[in-house]
Amino acid sequence: MKTSTSPTRNINLDRVADDLWQLVNVPSPTGKERAFLDVYAERLARAGAEVRLQGSPRSVVGRLKGNRPGRTFQLAGHADHIDVPHPAPTRTAEAISGRGAADMKAGLAGILEVVRVLKQGGCEFPGEILVTVYGGHEAPVGDSSALRNLIACGIVGDAALVA
């Protein structure tokens, strides 16, 4: 009889914190997300996903295929933050703060860890994980055109979680 172990045992909160620290140190004001998207794409590829940059405005699209057929679960989030003055990022043992840390770079760091853990576990899941990260979200400058472009191109999951 095969015993099952939970992939959650491989979650590394120090790694998530390191990812978040790196992400909050890359400014990504609405309309100026390109450097951040490049950094995120590189980190997502290192986590184990197949990654490409999509469209104009640019978005990150990552895929991690499971070991058997199934549906596509989408993990999504926006890259941009409101462009207002803000103190420089800070990190203590208890907290990381910086422009975009809570909305939504912490969620994007979490997505990186999900991909890592699933990849480390041998992709023992049905279907596919689709990761989409897009800019142009924050009003009043953002118009959601990057997200609308992904949808128009059919880059959508059967179910989605916005981190």
Protein backbone atom coordinates (compact mmCIF):
# COMPACT_ATOMS: atom_id res chain seq x y z
CA MET A 1 0.00 0.00 0.00
CA LYS A 2 1.35 3.40 -1.01
CA THR A 3 1.52 5.92 1.78
CA SER A 4 0.79 9.52 0.98
CA THR A 5 2.77 12.43 2.32
CA SER A 6 1.53 15.94 2.13
CA PRO A 7 3.44 18.30 -0.17
CA THR A 8 2.82 21.03 2.41
CA ARG A 9 5.68 19.57 4.47
CA ASN A 10 8.00 21.08 1.85
CA ILE A 11 6.77 24.65 2.29
CA ASN A 12 9.70 26.82 3.29
CA LEU A 13 8.61 30.10 4.87
CA ASP A 14 12.16 31.48 4.81
CA ARG A 15 12.16 30.97 1.04
CA VAL A 16 8.79 32.75 0.75
CA ALA A 17 10.15 35.65 2.81
CA ASP A 18 13.27 35.83 0.62
CA ASP A 19 11.08 35.91 -2.51
CA LEU A 20 8.89 38.64 -1.04
CA TRP A 21 11.94 40.67 -0.05
CA GLN A 22 13.29 40.47 -3.59
CA LEU A 23 9.91 41.37 -5.09
CA VAL A 24 9.27 44.43 -2.91
CA ASN A 25 12.70 45.74 -3.85
CA VAL A 26 11.70 45.95 -7.52
CA PRO A 27 9.40 48.94 -8.00
CA SER A 28 6.41 48.23 -10.24
CA PRO A 29 4.19 51.30 -10.44
CA THR A 30 1.25 50.96 -12.80
CA GLY A 31 2.44 51.26 -16.39
CA LYS A 32 6.07 50.64 -15.41
CA GLU A 33 6.01 46.95 -14.44
CA ARG A 34 8.40 45.54 -17.04
CA ALA A 35 11.46 45.13 -14.77
CA PHE A 36 9.33 43.47 -12.12
CA LEU A 37 7.73 41.10 -14.65
CA ASP A 38 11.19 40.13 -15.92
CA VAL A 39 12.34 39.37 -12.36
CA TYR A 40 9.17 37.40 -11.64
CA ALA A 41 9.46 35.40 -14.86
CA GLU A 42 13.03 34.44 -13.98
CA ARG A 43 12.08 33.39 -10.44
CA LEU A 44 9.08 31.42 -11.70
CA ALA A 45 11.27 29.56 -14.19
CA ARG A 46 13.76 28.75 -11.41
CA ALA A 47 10.83 27.46 -9.34
CA GLY A 48 10.17 24.91 -12.09
CA ALA A 49 7.50 26.33 -14.39
CA GLU A 50 7.70 26.69 -18.14
CA VAL A 51 7.56 30.48 -18.55
CA ARG A 52 6.97 32.96 -21.33
CA LEU A 53 6.19 36.62 -21.57
CA GLN A 54 2.92 37.34 -23.32
CA GLY A 55 1.43 40.30 -25.10
CA SER A 56 1.59 44.02 -24.96
CA PRO A 57 1.20 45.14 -22.29
CA ARG A 58 3.43 42.35 -21.08
CA SER A 59 2.32 39.56 -18.76
CA VAL A 60 4.04 36.51 -17.31
CA VAL A 61 2.53 33.13 -18.17
CA GLY A 62 3.85 30.06 -16.39
CA ARG A 63 2.76 26.45 -16.65
CA LEU A 64 3.48 23.41 -14.53
CA LYS A 65 2.04 20.19 -15.88
CA GLY A 66 0.90 17.45 -13.57
CA ASN A 67 1.66 13.78 -14.06
CA ARG A 68 -1.76 12.88 -15.44
CA PRO A 69 -4.60 14.50 -17.41
CA GLY A 70 -6.89 16.90 -15.63
CA ARG A 71 -8.15 20.42 -15.41
CA THR A 72 -6.19 23.66 -15.29
CA PHE A 73 -5.99 25.54 -12.01
CA GLN A 74 -4.94 29.15 -12.46
CA LEU A 75 -2.99 31.13 -9.86
CA ALA A 76 -3.16 34.80 -10.76
CA GLY A 77 -2.10 38.19 -9.52
CA HIS A 78 -1.22 41.69 -10.59
CA ALA A 79 2.32 43.05 -10.62
CA ASP A 80 1.68 46.75 -10.22
CA HIS A 81 1.32 48.99 -7.23
CA ILE A 82 -0.01 52.51 -6.82
CA ASP A 83 2.64 55.11 -7.67
CA VAL A 84 2.72 57.24 -4.53
CA PRO A 85 5.62 58.11 -2.25
CA HIS A 86 6.38 55.34 0.20
CA PRO A 87 9.22 54.54 2.59
CA ALA A 88 11.90 52.16 1.36
CA PRO A 89 11.21 48.45 1.99
CA THR A 90 12.13 47.14 5.42
CA ARG A 91 12.64 43.63 6.75
CA THR A 92 12.66 42.40 10.31
CA ALA A 93 12.42 38.89 11.73
CA GLU A 94 8.65 39.35 11.96
CA ALA A 95 7.63 41.38 8.92
CA ILE A 96 8.48 42.68 5.48
CA SER A 97 7.00 45.97 4.37
CA GLY A 98 7.29 47.95 1.20
CA ARG A 99 5.19 49.30 -1.66
CA GLY A 100 3.06 46.42 -2.91
CA ALA A 101 4.05 43.98 -0.16
CA ALA A 102 0.48 43.17 0.88
CA ASP A 103 -1.15 44.04 -2.45
CA MET A 104 -0.05 41.77 -3.99
CA LYS A 105 3.58 40.78 -3.90
CA ALA A 106 3.10 38.53 -0.85
CA GLY A 107 0.58 36.53 -2.85
CA LEU A 108 2.96 36.36 -5.80
CA ALA A 109 5.71 35.08 -3.49
CA GLY A 110 3.26 32.44 -2.28
CA ILE A 111 2.59 31.36 -5.86
CA LEU A 112 6.33 30.83 -6.40
CA GLU A 113 6.40 28.53 -3.37
CA VAL A 114 3.36 26.55 -4.55
CA VAL A 115 5.10 25.91 -7.89
CA ARG A 116 8.36 24.91 -6.14
CA VAL A 117 6.65 22.53 -3.76
CA LEU A 118 4.63 20.87 -6.52
CA LYS A 119 7.71 20.56 -8.73
CA GLN A 120 9.78 19.12 -5.86
CA GLY A 121 7.00 16.61 -5.24
CA GLY A 122 7.29 15.28 -8.77
CA CYS A 123 4.20 17.05 -10.10
CA GLU A 124 1.96 14.43 -8.47
CA PHE A 125 -1.29 16.11 -9.42
CA PRO A 126 -3.75 15.94 -12.30
CA GLY A 127 -3.89 18.63 -14.95
CA GLU A 128 -1.88 21.78 -14.94
CA ILE A 129 -1.07 24.83 -12.83
CA LEU A 130 -1.32 28.03 -14.87
CA VAL A 131 0.34 31.13 -13.39
CA THR A 132 -0.58 34.53 -14.79
CA VAL A 133 0.94 37.79 -13.55
CA TYR A 134 -0.11 41.01 -15.25
CA GLY A 135 0.28 44.74 -14.85
CA GLY A 136 -2.00 47.68 -15.46
CA HIS A 137 -4.36 46.80 -12.66
CA GLU A 138 -4.29 49.72 -10.23
CA ALA A 139 -6.72 52.56 -10.92
CA PRO A 140 -6.82 55.32 -11.95
CA VAL A 141 -3.89 54.64 -14.32
CA GLY A 142 -4.55 50.93 -14.87
CA ASP A 143 -7.15 49.81 -17.36
CA SER A 144 -6.83 45.99 -16.99
CA SER A 145 -5.74 45.68 -20.64
CA ALA A 146 -3.03 43.11 -19.81
CA LEU A 147 -5.56 40.90 -18.04
CA ARG A 148 -8.12 41.39 -20.81
CA ASN A 149 -5.42 40.43 -23.34
CA LEU A 150 -4.73 37.16 -21.51
CA ILE A 151 -8.43 36.32 -21.49
CA ALA A 152 -8.82 37.23 -25.18
CA CYS A 153 -5.90 34.90 -26.00
CA GLY A 154 -7.59 32.05 -24.12
CA ILE A 155 -5.00 32.02 -21.34
CA VAL A 156 -7.42 31.07 -18.58
CA GLY A 157 -7.86 28.21 -16.18
CA ASP A 158 -10.87 26.03 -15.45
CA ALA A 159 -10.77 27.58 -11.97
CA ALA A 160 -8.70 30.45 -10.62
CA LEU A 161 -7.38 31.78 -7.37
CA VAL A 162 -6.26 35.40 -7.27
CA ALA A 163 -3.48 35.54 -4.71
